[in-house]
ModelCIF file with pLDDT and N, C-alpha, C, O atoms, coordinates in Angstrom:
data_MODEL
#
_entry.id   MODEL 
#
_entity.id                         1 
_entity.type                       polymer 
_entity.pdbx_number_of_molecules   1 
#
_entity_poly.entity_id                      1 
_entity_poly.type                           'polypeptide(L)' 
_entity_poly.nstd_linkage                   no 
_entity_poly.nstd_monomer                   no 
_entity_poly.pdbx_seq_one_letter_code       VNSARGNKDFDNGGSAVANGGGSLTDSDSFEPRDAVKGDVARMIFYM 
_entity_poly.pdbx_seq_one_letter_code_can   VNSARGNKDFDNGGSAVANGGGSLTDSDSFEPRDAVKGDVARMIFYM 
_entity_poly.pdbx_strand_id                 A 
#
loop_
_entity_poly_seq.entity_id 
_entity_poly_seq.num 
_entity_poly_seq.mon_id 
_entity_poly_seq.hetero 
1 1  VAL n 
1 2  ASN n 
1 3  SER n 
1 4  ALA n 
1 5  ARG n 
1 6  GLY n 
1 7  ASN n 
1 8  LYS n 
1 9  ASP n 
1 10 PHE n 
1 11 ASP n 
1 12 ASN n 
1 13 GLY n 
1 14 GLY n 
1 15 SER n 
1 16 ALA n 
1 17 VAL n 
1 18 ALA n 
1 19 ASN n 
1 20 GLY n 
1 21 GLY n 
1 22 GLY n 
1 23 SER n 
1 24 LEU n 
1 25 THR n 
1 26 ASP n 
1 27 SER n 
1 28 ASP n 
1 29 SER n 
1 30 PHE n 
1 31 GLU n 
1 32 PRO n 
1 33 ARG n 
1 34 ASP n 
1 35 ALA n 
1 36 VAL n 
1 37 LYS n 
1 38 GLY n 
1 39 ASP n 
1 40 VAL n 
1 41 ALA n 
1 42 ARG n 
1 43 MET n 
1 44 ILE n 
1 45 PHE n 
1 46 TYR n 
1 47 MET n 
#
_struct_asym.id          A 
_struct_asym.entity_id   1 
#
loop_
_ma_qa_metric.id 
_ma_qa_metric.mode 
_ma_qa_metric.name 
_ma_qa_metric.software_group_id 
_ma_qa_metric.type 
1 global pLDDT . pLDDT 
2 local  pLDDT . pLDDT 
#
_ma_qa_metric_global.metric_id      1 
_ma_qa_metric_global.metric_value   97.81 
_ma_qa_metric_global.model_id       1 
_ma_qa_metric_global.ordinal_id     1 
#
loop_
_ma_qa_metric_local.label_asym_id 
_ma_qa_metric_local.label_comp_id 
_ma_qa_metric_local.label_seq_id 
_ma_qa_metric_local.metric_id 
_ma_qa_metric_local.metric_value 
_ma_qa_metric_local.model_id 
_ma_qa_metric_local.ordinal_id 
A VAL 1  2 98.00 1 1  
A ASN 2  2 98.00 1 2  
A SER 3  2 98.00 1 3  
A ALA 4  2 98.00 1 4  
A ARG 5  2 98.00 1 5  
A GLY 6  2 97.00 1 6  
A ASN 7  2 97.00 1 7  
A LYS 8  2 98.00 1 8  
A ASP 9  2 98.00 1 9  
A PHE 10 2 98.00 1 10 
A ASP 11 2 98.00 1 11 
A ASN 12 2 98.00 1 12 
A GLY 13 2 96.00 1 13 
A GLY 14 2 98.00 1 14 
A SER 15 2 98.00 1 15 
A ALA 16 2 98.00 1 16 
A VAL 17 2 98.00 1 17 
A ALA 18 2 97.00 1 18 
A ASN 19 2 96.00 1 19 
A GLY 20 2 97.00 1 20 
A GLY 21 2 98.00 1 21 
A GLY 22 2 98.00 1 22 
A SER 23 2 98.00 1 23 
A LEU 24 2 98.00 1 24 
A THR 25 2 98.00 1 25 
A ASP 26 2 97.00 1 26 
A SER 27 2 96.00 1 27 
A ASP 28 2 96.00 1 28 
A SER 29 2 98.00 1 29 
A PHE 30 2 98.00 1 30 
A GLU 31 2 98.00 1 31 
A PRO 32 2 98.00 1 32 
A ARG 33 2 98.00 1 33 
A ASP 34 2 98.00 1 34 
A ALA 35 2 98.00 1 35 
A VAL 36 2 98.00 1 36 
A LYS 37 2 98.00 1 37 
A GLY 38 2 98.00 1 38 
A ASP 39 2 98.00 1 39 
A VAL 40 2 98.00 1 40 
A ALA 41 2 99.00 1 41 
A ARG 42 2 99.00 1 42 
A MET 43 2 99.00 1 43 
A ILE 44 2 98.00 1 44 
A PHE 45 2 99.00 1 45 
A TYR 46 2 98.00 1 46 
A MET 47 2 98.00 1 47 
#
loop_
_atom_site.group_PDB 
_atom_site.id 
_atom_site.type_symbol 
_atom_site.label_atom_id 
_atom_site.label_alt_id 
_atom_site.label_comp_id 
_atom_site.label_asym_id 
_atom_site.label_entity_id 
_atom_site.label_seq_id 
_atom_site.pdbx_PDB_ins_code 
_atom_site.Cartn_x 
_atom_site.Cartn_y 
_atom_site.Cartn_z 
_atom_site.occupancy 
_atom_site.B_iso_or_equiv 
_atom_site.pdbx_formal_charge 
_atom_site.auth_seq_id 
_atom_site.auth_comp_id 
_atom_site.auth_asym_id 
_atom_site.auth_atom_id 
_atom_site.pdbx_PDB_model_num 
ATOM 1   N N  . VAL A 1 1  ? 4.438  -17.438 5.358   1.00 98.00 ? 1  VAL A N  1 
ATOM 2   C CA . VAL A 1 1  ? 5.165  -17.213 4.108   1.00 98.00 ? 1  VAL A CA 1 
ATOM 3   C C  . VAL A 1 1  ? 6.617  -16.857 4.417   1.00 98.00 ? 1  VAL A C  1 
ATOM 4   O O  . VAL A 1 1  ? 7.528  -17.288 3.710   1.00 98.00 ? 1  VAL A O  1 
ATOM 5   N N  . ASN A 1 2  ? 6.827  -16.082 5.460   1.00 98.00 ? 2  ASN A N  1 
ATOM 6   C CA . ASN A 1 2  ? 8.187  -15.751 5.893   1.00 98.00 ? 2  ASN A CA 1 
ATOM 7   C C  . ASN A 1 2  ? 8.952  -17.021 6.241   1.00 98.00 ? 2  ASN A C  1 
ATOM 8   O O  . ASN A 1 2  ? 10.128 -17.156 5.907   1.00 98.00 ? 2  ASN A O  1 
ATOM 9   N N  . SER A 1 3  ? 8.278  -17.949 6.914   1.00 98.00 ? 3  SER A N  1 
ATOM 10  C CA . SER A 1 3  ? 8.911  -19.213 7.274   1.00 98.00 ? 3  SER A CA 1 
ATOM 11  C C  . SER A 1 3  ? 9.259  -20.021 6.031   1.00 98.00 ? 3  SER A C  1 
ATOM 12  O O  . SER A 1 3  ? 10.304 -20.670 5.987   1.00 98.00 ? 3  SER A O  1 
ATOM 13  N N  . ALA A 1 4  ? 8.392  -19.987 5.018   1.00 98.00 ? 4  ALA A N  1 
ATOM 14  C CA . ALA A 1 4  ? 8.658  -20.715 3.774   1.00 98.00 ? 4  ALA A CA 1 
ATOM 15  C C  . ALA A 1 4  ? 9.879  -20.146 3.062   1.00 98.00 ? 4  ALA A C  1 
ATOM 16  O O  . ALA A 1 4  ? 10.649 -20.889 2.453   1.00 98.00 ? 4  ALA A O  1 
ATOM 17  N N  . ARG A 1 5  ? 10.058 -18.824 3.138   1.00 98.00 ? 5  ARG A N  1 
ATOM 18  C CA . ARG A 1 5  ? 11.251 -18.228 2.546   1.00 98.00 ? 5  ARG A CA 1 
ATOM 19  C C  . ARG A 1 5  ? 12.491 -18.587 3.360   1.00 98.00 ? 5  ARG A C  1 
ATOM 20  O O  . ARG A 1 5  ? 13.531 -18.921 2.793   1.00 98.00 ? 5  ARG A O  1 
ATOM 21  N N  . GLY A 1 6  ? 12.385 -18.520 4.686   1.00 97.00 ? 6  GLY A N  1 
ATOM 22  C CA . GLY A 1 6  ? 13.512 -18.841 5.546   1.00 97.00 ? 6  GLY A CA 1 
ATOM 23  C C  . GLY A 1 6  ? 14.721 -17.990 5.206   1.00 97.00 ? 6  GLY A C  1 
ATOM 24  O O  . GLY A 1 6  ? 14.621 -16.765 5.147   1.00 97.00 ? 6  GLY A O  1 
ATOM 25  N N  . ASN A 1 7  ? 15.864 -18.627 4.981   1.00 97.00 ? 7  ASN A N  1 
ATOM 26  C CA . ASN A 1 7  ? 17.076 -17.887 4.603   1.00 97.00 ? 7  ASN A CA 1 
ATOM 27  C C  . ASN A 1 7  ? 17.522 -18.248 3.187   1.00 97.00 ? 7  ASN A C  1 
ATOM 28  O O  . ASN A 1 7  ? 18.700 -18.133 2.849   1.00 97.00 ? 7  ASN A O  1 
ATOM 29  N N  . LYS A 1 8  ? 16.565 -18.687 2.363   1.00 98.00 ? 8  LYS A N  1 
ATOM 30  C CA . LYS A 1 8  ? 16.893 -19.118 1.004   1.00 98.00 ? 8  LYS A CA 1 
ATOM 31  C C  . LYS A 1 8  ? 17.350 -17.945 0.144   1.00 98.00 ? 8  LYS A C  1 
ATOM 32  O O  . LYS A 1 8  ? 16.908 -16.809 0.322   1.00 98.00 ? 8  LYS A O  1 
ATOM 33  N N  . ASP A 1 9  ? 18.242 -18.248 -0.788  1.00 98.00 ? 9  ASP A N  1 
ATOM 34  C CA . ASP A 1 9  ? 18.635 -17.278 -1.790  1.00 98.00 ? 9  ASP A CA 1 
ATOM 35  C C  . ASP A 1 9  ? 17.472 -17.060 -2.764  1.00 98.00 ? 9  ASP A C  1 
ATOM 36  O O  . ASP A 1 9  ? 16.485 -17.796 -2.737  1.00 98.00 ? 9  ASP A O  1 
ATOM 37  N N  . PHE A 1 10 ? 17.597 -16.055 -3.611  1.00 98.00 ? 10 PHE A N  1 
ATOM 38  C CA . PHE A 1 10 ? 16.563 -15.750 -4.587  1.00 98.00 ? 10 PHE A CA 1 
ATOM 39  C C  . PHE A 1 10 ? 16.938 -16.311 -5.955  1.00 98.00 ? 10 PHE A C  1 
ATOM 40  O O  . PHE A 1 10 ? 18.063 -16.158 -6.429  1.00 98.00 ? 10 PHE A O  1 
ATOM 41  N N  . ASP A 1 11 ? 15.947 -16.971 -6.575  1.00 98.00 ? 11 ASP A N  1 
ATOM 42  C CA . ASP A 1 11 ? 16.142 -17.548 -7.902  1.00 98.00 ? 11 ASP A CA 1 
ATOM 43  C C  . ASP A 1 11 ? 14.761 -17.818 -8.487  1.00 98.00 ? 11 ASP A C  1 
ATOM 44  O O  . ASP A 1 11 ? 13.754 -17.728 -7.785  1.00 98.00 ? 11 ASP A O  1 
ATOM 45  N N  . ASN A 1 12 ? 14.721 -18.146 -9.758  1.00 98.00 ? 12 ASN A N  1 
ATOM 46  C CA . ASN A 1 12 ? 13.466 -18.478 -10.418 1.00 98.00 ? 12 ASN A CA 1 
ATOM 47  C C  . ASN A 1 12 ? 13.113 -19.943 -10.227 1.00 98.00 ? 12 ASN A C  1 
ATOM 48  O O  . ASN A 1 12 ? 13.989 -20.807 -10.199 1.00 98.00 ? 12 ASN A O  1 
ATOM 49  N N  . GLY A 1 13 ? 11.812 -20.214 -10.096 1.00 96.00 ? 13 GLY A N  1 
ATOM 50  C CA . GLY A 1 13 ? 11.339 -21.582 -10.114 1.00 96.00 ? 13 GLY A CA 1 
ATOM 51  C C  . GLY A 1 13 ? 10.940 -22.122 -8.764  1.00 96.00 ? 13 GLY A C  1 
ATOM 52  O O  . GLY A 1 13 ? 11.226 -21.535 -7.721  1.00 96.00 ? 13 GLY A O  1 
ATOM 53  N N  . GLY A 1 14 ? 10.258 -23.278 -8.812  1.00 98.00 ? 14 GLY A N  1 
ATOM 54  C CA . GLY A 1 14 ? 9.800  -23.917 -7.602  1.00 98.00 ? 14 GLY A CA 1 
ATOM 55  C C  . GLY A 1 14 ? 8.308  -24.151 -7.631  1.00 98.00 ? 14 GLY A C  1 
ATOM 56  O O  . GLY A 1 14 ? 7.657  -23.978 -8.661  1.00 98.00 ? 14 GLY A O  1 
ATOM 57  N N  . SER A 1 15 ? 7.777  -24.544 -6.495  1.00 98.00 ? 15 SER A N  1 
ATOM 58  C CA . SER A 1 15 ? 6.352  -24.797 -6.331  1.00 98.00 ? 15 SER A CA 1 
ATOM 59  C C  . SER A 1 15 ? 5.689  -23.633 -5.615  1.00 98.00 ? 15 SER A C  1 
ATOM 60  O O  . SER A 1 15 ? 6.346  -22.865 -4.913  1.00 98.00 ? 15 SER A O  1 
ATOM 61  N N  . ALA A 1 16 ? 4.383  -23.510 -5.799  1.00 98.00 ? 16 ALA A N  1 
ATOM 62  C CA . ALA A 1 16 ? 3.645  -22.398 -5.212  1.00 98.00 ? 16 ALA A CA 1 
ATOM 63  C C  . ALA A 1 16 ? 3.734  -22.425 -3.686  1.00 98.00 ? 16 ALA A C  1 
ATOM 64  O O  . ALA A 1 16 ? 3.618  -23.478 -3.059  1.00 98.00 ? 16 ALA A O  1 
ATOM 65  N N  . VAL A 1 17 ? 3.941  -21.248 -3.109  1.00 98.00 ? 17 VAL A N  1 
ATOM 66  C CA . VAL A 1 17 ? 3.946  -21.085 -1.664  1.00 98.00 ? 17 VAL A CA 1 
ATOM 67  C C  . VAL A 1 17 ? 2.511  -20.852 -1.205  1.00 98.00 ? 17 VAL A C  1 
ATOM 68  O O  . VAL A 1 17 ? 1.822  -19.990 -1.751  1.00 98.00 ? 17 VAL A O  1 
ATOM 69  N N  . ALA A 1 18 ? 2.056  -21.601 -0.221  1.00 97.00 ? 18 ALA A N  1 
ATOM 70  C CA . ALA A 1 18 ? 0.694  -21.447 0.276   1.00 97.00 ? 18 ALA A CA 1 
ATOM 71  C C  . ALA A 1 18 ? 0.455  -20.014 0.749   1.00 97.00 ? 18 ALA A C  1 
ATOM 72  O O  . ALA A 1 18 ? 1.201  -19.491 1.578   1.00 97.00 ? 18 ALA A O  1 
ATOM 73  N N  . ASN A 1 19 ? -0.595 -19.386 0.213   1.00 96.00 ? 19 ASN A N  1 
ATOM 74  C CA . ASN A 1 19 ? -0.948 -18.002 0.552   1.00 96.00 ? 19 ASN A CA 1 
ATOM 75  C C  . ASN A 1 19 ? 0.174  -17.020 0.243   1.00 96.00 ? 19 ASN A C  1 
ATOM 76  O O  . ASN A 1 19 ? 0.295  -15.975 0.881   1.00 96.00 ? 19 ASN A O  1 
ATOM 77  N N  . GLY A 1 20 ? 1.000  -17.374 -0.756  1.00 97.00 ? 20 GLY A N  1 
ATOM 78  C CA . GLY A 1 20 ? 2.173  -16.559 -1.086  1.00 97.00 ? 20 GLY A CA 1 
ATOM 79  C C  . GLY A 1 20 ? 1.956  -15.589 -2.221  1.00 97.00 ? 20 GLY A C  1 
ATOM 80  O O  . GLY A 1 20 ? 2.911  -14.955 -2.668  1.00 97.00 ? 20 GLY A O  1 
ATOM 81  N N  . GLY A 1 21 ? 0.742  -15.449 -2.704  1.00 98.00 ? 21 GLY A N  1 
ATOM 82  C CA . GLY A 1 21 ? 0.456  -14.451 -3.724  1.00 98.00 ? 21 GLY A CA 1 
ATOM 83  C C  . GLY A 1 21 ? 1.101  -14.720 -5.068  1.00 98.00 ? 21 GLY A C  1 
ATOM 84  O O  . GLY A 1 21 ? 1.248  -13.807 -5.880  1.00 98.00 ? 21 GLY A O  1 
ATOM 85  N N  . GLY A 1 22 ? 1.488  -15.970 -5.313  1.00 98.00 ? 22 GLY A N  1 
ATOM 86  C CA . GLY A 1 22 ? 2.178  -16.303 -6.551  1.00 98.00 ? 22 GLY A CA 1 
ATOM 87  C C  . GLY A 1 22 ? 3.654  -16.555 -6.361  1.00 98.00 ? 22 GLY A C  1 
ATOM 88  O O  . GLY A 1 22 ? 4.347  -16.867 -7.329  1.00 98.00 ? 22 GLY A O  1 
ATOM 89  N N  . SER A 1 23 ? 4.160  -16.430 -5.143  1.00 98.00 ? 23 SER A N  1 
ATOM 90  C CA . SER A 1 23 ? 5.557  -16.737 -4.862  1.00 98.00 ? 23 SER A CA 1 
ATOM 91  C C  . SER A 1 23 ? 5.803  -18.235 -5.007  1.00 98.00 ? 23 SER A C  1 
ATOM 92  O O  . SER A 1 23 ? 4.906  -19.053 -4.798  1.00 98.00 ? 23 SER A O  1 
ATOM 93  N N  . LEU A 1 24 ? 7.043  -18.576 -5.372  1.00 98.00 ? 24 LEU A N  1 
ATOM 94  C CA . LEU A 1 24 ? 7.441  -19.964 -5.566  1.00 98.00 ? 24 LEU A CA 1 
ATOM 95  C C  . LEU A 1 24 ? 8.662  -20.268 -4.703  1.00 98.00 ? 24 LEU A C  1 
ATOM 96  O O  . LEU A 1 24 ? 9.430  -19.370 -4.354  1.00 98.00 ? 24 LEU A O  1 
ATOM 97  N N  . THR A 1 25 ? 8.830  -21.548 -4.363  1.00 98.00 ? 25 THR A N  1 
ATOM 98  C CA . THR A 1 25 ? 10.022 -21.944 -3.608  1.00 98.00 ? 25 THR A CA 1 
ATOM 99  C C  . THR A 1 25 ? 10.385 -23.377 -3.922  1.00 98.00 ? 25 THR A C  1 
ATOM 100 O O  . THR A 1 25 ? 9.536  -24.189 -4.291  1.00 98.00 ? 25 THR A O  1 
ATOM 101 N N  . ASP A 1 26 ? 11.675 -23.675 -3.767  1.00 97.00 ? 26 ASP A N  1 
ATOM 102 C CA . ASP A 1 26 ? 12.156 -25.054 -3.833  1.00 97.00 ? 26 ASP A CA 1 
ATOM 103 C C  . ASP A 1 26 ? 13.135 -25.252 -2.679  1.00 97.00 ? 26 ASP A C  1 
ATOM 104 O O  . ASP A 1 26 ? 13.122 -24.488 -1.715  1.00 97.00 ? 26 ASP A O  1 
ATOM 105 N N  . SER A 1 27 ? 13.980 -26.273 -2.775  1.00 96.00 ? 27 SER A N  1 
ATOM 106 C CA . SER A 1 27 ? 14.818 -26.620 -1.629  1.00 96.00 ? 27 SER A CA 1 
ATOM 107 C C  . SER A 1 27 ? 15.883 -25.578 -1.315  1.00 96.00 ? 27 SER A C  1 
ATOM 108 O O  . SER A 1 27 ? 16.352 -25.505 -0.179  1.00 96.00 ? 27 SER A O  1 
ATOM 109 N N  . ASP A 1 28 ? 16.274 -24.772 -2.293  1.00 96.00 ? 28 ASP A N  1 
ATOM 110 C CA . ASP A 1 28 ? 17.380 -23.850 -2.048  1.00 96.00 ? 28 ASP A CA 1 
ATOM 111 C C  . ASP A 1 28 ? 17.140 -22.425 -2.524  1.00 96.00 ? 28 ASP A C  1 
ATOM 112 O O  . ASP A 1 28 ? 18.067 -21.615 -2.517  1.00 96.00 ? 28 ASP A O  1 
ATOM 113 N N  . SER A 1 29 ? 15.901 -22.094 -2.943  1.00 98.00 ? 29 SER A N  1 
ATOM 114 C CA . SER A 1 29 ? 15.678 -20.728 -3.425  1.00 98.00 ? 29 SER A CA 1 
ATOM 115 C C  . SER A 1 29 ? 14.221 -20.313 -3.258  1.00 98.00 ? 29 SER A C  1 
ATOM 116 O O  . SER A 1 29 ? 13.339 -21.131 -2.999  1.00 98.00 ? 29 SER A O  1 
ATOM 117 N N  . PHE A 1 30 ? 14.005 -19.017 -3.414  1.00 98.00 ? 30 PHE A N  1 
ATOM 118 C CA . PHE A 1 30 ? 12.670 -18.430 -3.266  1.00 98.00 ? 30 PHE A CA 1 
ATOM 119 C C  . PHE A 1 30 ? 12.476 -17.416 -4.392  1.00 98.00 ? 30 PHE A C  1 
ATOM 120 O O  . PHE A 1 30 ? 13.370 -16.621 -4.682  1.00 98.00 ? 30 PHE A O  1 
ATOM 121 N N  . GLU A 1 31 ? 11.309 -17.451 -5.021  1.00 98.00 ? 31 GLU A N  1 
ATOM 122 C CA . GLU A 1 31 ? 10.963 -16.497 -6.068  1.00 98.00 ? 31 GLU A CA 1 
ATOM 123 C C  . GLU A 1 31 ? 9.729  -15.715 -5.630  1.00 98.00 ? 31 GLU A C  1 
ATOM 124 O O  . GLU A 1 31 ? 8.647  -16.295 -5.544  1.00 98.00 ? 31 GLU A O  1 
ATOM 125 N N  . PRO A 1 32 ? 9.856  -14.412 -5.349  1.00 98.00 ? 32 PRO A N  1 
ATOM 126 C CA . PRO A 1 32 ? 8.696  -13.626 -4.924  1.00 98.00 ? 32 PRO A CA 1 
ATOM 127 C C  . PRO A 1 32 ? 7.724  -13.401 -6.079  1.00 98.00 ? 32 PRO A C  1 
ATOM 128 O O  . PRO A 1 32 ? 8.066  -13.604 -7.243  1.00 98.00 ? 32 PRO A O  1 
ATOM 129 N N  . ARG A 1 33 ? 6.525  -12.985 -5.741  1.00 98.00 ? 33 ARG A N  1 
ATOM 130 C CA . ARG A 1 33 ? 5.521  -12.685 -6.763  1.00 98.00 ? 33 ARG A CA 1 
ATOM 131 C C  . ARG A 1 33 ? 6.059  -11.611 -7.716  1.00 98.00 ? 33 ARG A C  1 
ATOM 132 O O  . ARG A 1 33 ? 6.934  -10.823 -7.355  1.00 98.00 ? 33 ARG A O  1 
ATOM 133 N N  . ASP A 1 34 ? 5.523  -11.599 -8.923  1.00 98.00 ? 34 ASP A N  1 
ATOM 134 C CA . ASP A 1 34 ? 6.047  -10.728 -9.970  1.00 98.00 ? 34 ASP A CA 1 
ATOM 135 C C  . ASP A 1 34 ? 6.060  -9.257  -9.580  1.00 98.00 ? 34 ASP A C  1 
ATOM 136 O O  . ASP A 1 34 ? 6.989  -8.533  -9.936  1.00 98.00 ? 34 ASP A O  1 
ATOM 137 N N  . ALA A 1 35 ? 5.034  -8.804  -8.850  1.00 98.00 ? 35 ALA A N  1 
ATOM 138 C CA . ALA A 1 35 ? 4.877  -7.374  -8.563  1.00 98.00 ? 35 ALA A CA 1 
ATOM 139 C C  . ALA A 1 35 ? 5.953  -6.809  -7.656  1.00 98.00 ? 35 ALA A C  1 
ATOM 140 O O  . ALA A 1 35 ? 6.107  -5.591  -7.569  1.00 98.00 ? 35 ALA A O  1 
ATOM 141 N N  . VAL A 1 36 ? 6.712  -7.682  -6.967  1.00 98.00 ? 36 VAL A N  1 
ATOM 142 C CA . VAL A 1 36 ? 7.749  -7.175  -6.056  1.00 98.00 ? 36 VAL A CA 1 
ATOM 143 C C  . VAL A 1 36 ? 9.126  -7.752  -6.356  1.00 98.00 ? 36 VAL A C  1 
ATOM 144 O O  . VAL A 1 36 ? 10.041 -7.625  -5.543  1.00 98.00 ? 36 VAL A O  1 
ATOM 145 N N  . LYS A 1 37 ? 9.282  -8.383  -7.510  1.00 98.00 ? 37 LYS A N  1 
ATOM 146 C CA . LYS A 1 37 ? 10.598 -8.919  -7.856  1.00 98.00 ? 37 LYS A CA 1 
ATOM 147 C C  . LYS A 1 37 ? 11.659 -7.811  -7.884  1.00 98.00 ? 37 LYS A C  1 
ATOM 148 O O  . LYS A 1 37 ? 12.756 -7.983  -7.352  1.00 98.00 ? 37 LYS A O  1 
ATOM 149 N N  . GLY A 1 38 ? 11.325 -6.681  -8.506  1.00 98.00 ? 38 GLY A N  1 
ATOM 150 C CA . GLY A 1 38 ? 12.272 -5.577  -8.554  1.00 98.00 ? 38 GLY A CA 1 
ATOM 151 C C  . GLY A 1 38 ? 12.527 -4.977  -7.192  1.00 98.00 ? 38 GLY A C  1 
ATOM 152 O O  . GLY A 1 38 ? 13.654 -4.588  -6.885  1.00 98.00 ? 38 GLY A O  1 
ATOM 153 N N  . ASP A 1 39 ? 11.477 -4.894  -6.357  1.00 98.00 ? 39 ASP A N  1 
ATOM 154 C CA . ASP A 1 39 ? 11.629 -4.384  -4.999  1.00 98.00 ? 39 ASP A CA 1 
ATOM 155 C C  . ASP A 1 39 ? 12.666 -5.203  -4.240  1.00 98.00 ? 39 ASP A C  1 
ATOM 156 O O  . ASP A 1 39 ? 13.553 -4.655  -3.587  1.00 98.00 ? 39 ASP A O  1 
ATOM 157 N N  . VAL A 1 40 ? 12.539 -6.536  -4.336  1.00 98.00 ? 40 VAL A N  1 
ATOM 158 C CA . VAL A 1 40 ? 13.472 -7.432  -3.657  1.00 98.00 ? 40 VAL A CA 1 
ATOM 159 C C  . VAL A 1 40 ? 14.891 -7.207  -4.174  1.00 98.00 ? 40 VAL A C  1 
ATOM 160 O O  . VAL A 1 40 ? 15.831 -7.098  -3.387  1.00 98.00 ? 40 VAL A O  1 
ATOM 161 N N  . ALA A 1 41 ? 15.044 -7.138  -5.487  1.00 99.00 ? 41 ALA A N  1 
ATOM 162 C CA . ALA A 1 41 ? 16.379 -6.939  -6.059  1.00 99.00 ? 41 ALA A CA 1 
ATOM 163 C C  . ALA A 1 41 ? 17.003 -5.641  -5.579  1.00 99.00 ? 41 ALA A C  1 
ATOM 164 O O  . ALA A 1 41 ? 18.175 -5.617  -5.204  1.00 99.00 ? 41 ALA A O  1 
ATOM 165 N N  . ARG A 1 42 ? 16.232 -4.562  -5.586  1.00 99.00 ? 42 ARG A N  1 
ATOM 166 C CA . ARG A 1 42 ? 16.798 -3.260  -5.204  1.00 99.00 ? 42 ARG A CA 1 
ATOM 167 C C  . ARG A 1 42 ? 17.117 -3.197  -3.714  1.00 99.00 ? 42 ARG A C  1 
ATOM 168 O O  . ARG A 1 42 ? 18.026 -2.468  -3.314  1.00 99.00 ? 42 ARG A O  1 
ATOM 169 N N  . MET A 1 43 ? 16.394 -3.940  -2.888  1.00 99.00 ? 43 MET A N  1 
ATOM 170 C CA . MET A 1 43 ? 16.760 -4.023  -1.473  1.00 99.00 ? 43 MET A CA 1 
ATOM 171 C C  . MET A 1 43 ? 18.093 -4.748  -1.301  1.00 99.00 ? 43 MET A C  1 
ATOM 172 O O  . MET A 1 43 ? 18.930 -4.342  -0.494  1.00 99.00 ? 43 MET A O  1 
ATOM 173 N N  . ILE A 1 44 ? 18.283 -5.815  -2.062  1.00 98.00 ? 44 ILE A N  1 
ATOM 174 C CA . ILE A 1 44 ? 19.546 -6.552  -2.000  1.00 98.00 ? 44 ILE A CA 1 
ATOM 175 C C  . ILE A 1 44 ? 20.707 -5.664  -2.449  1.00 98.00 ? 44 ILE A C  1 
ATOM 176 O O  . ILE A 1 44 ? 21.761 -5.653  -1.814  1.00 98.00 ? 44 ILE A O  1 
ATOM 177 N N  . PHE A 1 45 ? 20.519 -4.928  -3.531  1.00 99.00 ? 45 PHE A N  1 
ATOM 178 C CA . PHE A 1 45 ? 21.596 -4.067  -4.031  1.00 99.00 ? 45 PHE A CA 1 
ATOM 179 C C  . PHE A 1 45 ? 21.896 -2.920  -3.057  1.00 99.00 ? 45 PHE A C  1 
ATOM 180 O O  . PHE A 1 45 ? 23.050 -2.523  -2.900  1.00 99.00 ? 45 PHE A O  1 
ATOM 181 N N  . TYR A 1 46 ? 20.861 -2.396  -2.410  1.00 98.00 ? 46 TYR A N  1 
ATOM 182 C CA . TYR A 1 46 ? 21.094 -1.380  -1.375  1.00 98.00 ? 46 TYR A CA 1 
ATOM 183 C C  . TYR A 1 46 ? 21.986 -1.943  -0.270  1.00 98.00 ? 46 TYR A C  1 
ATOM 184 O O  . TYR A 1 46 ? 22.964 -1.307  0.123   1.00 98.00 ? 46 TYR A O  1 
ATOM 185 N N  . MET A 1 47 ? 21.653 -3.131  0.230   1.00 98.00 ? 47 MET A N  1 
ATOM 186 C CA . MET A 1 47 ? 22.420 -3.712  1.331   1.00 98.00 ? 47 MET A CA 1 
ATOM 187 C C  . MET A 1 47 ? 23.874 -3.931  0.935   1.00 98.00 ? 47 MET A C  1 
ATOM 188 O O  . MET A 1 47 ? 24.668 -4.414  1.742   1.00 98.00 ? 47 MET A O  1 
#
């Protein structure tokens, strides 16, 4: 799943990531599962 995310930016949309718990990805972005969307955002804002 980490490899599927790679270095993509975060955005909504895409196809289901295998074993990704509901995460989605497309050619240029990654959308984490709903339960950690805020976690991801707050980590980005911290950095």
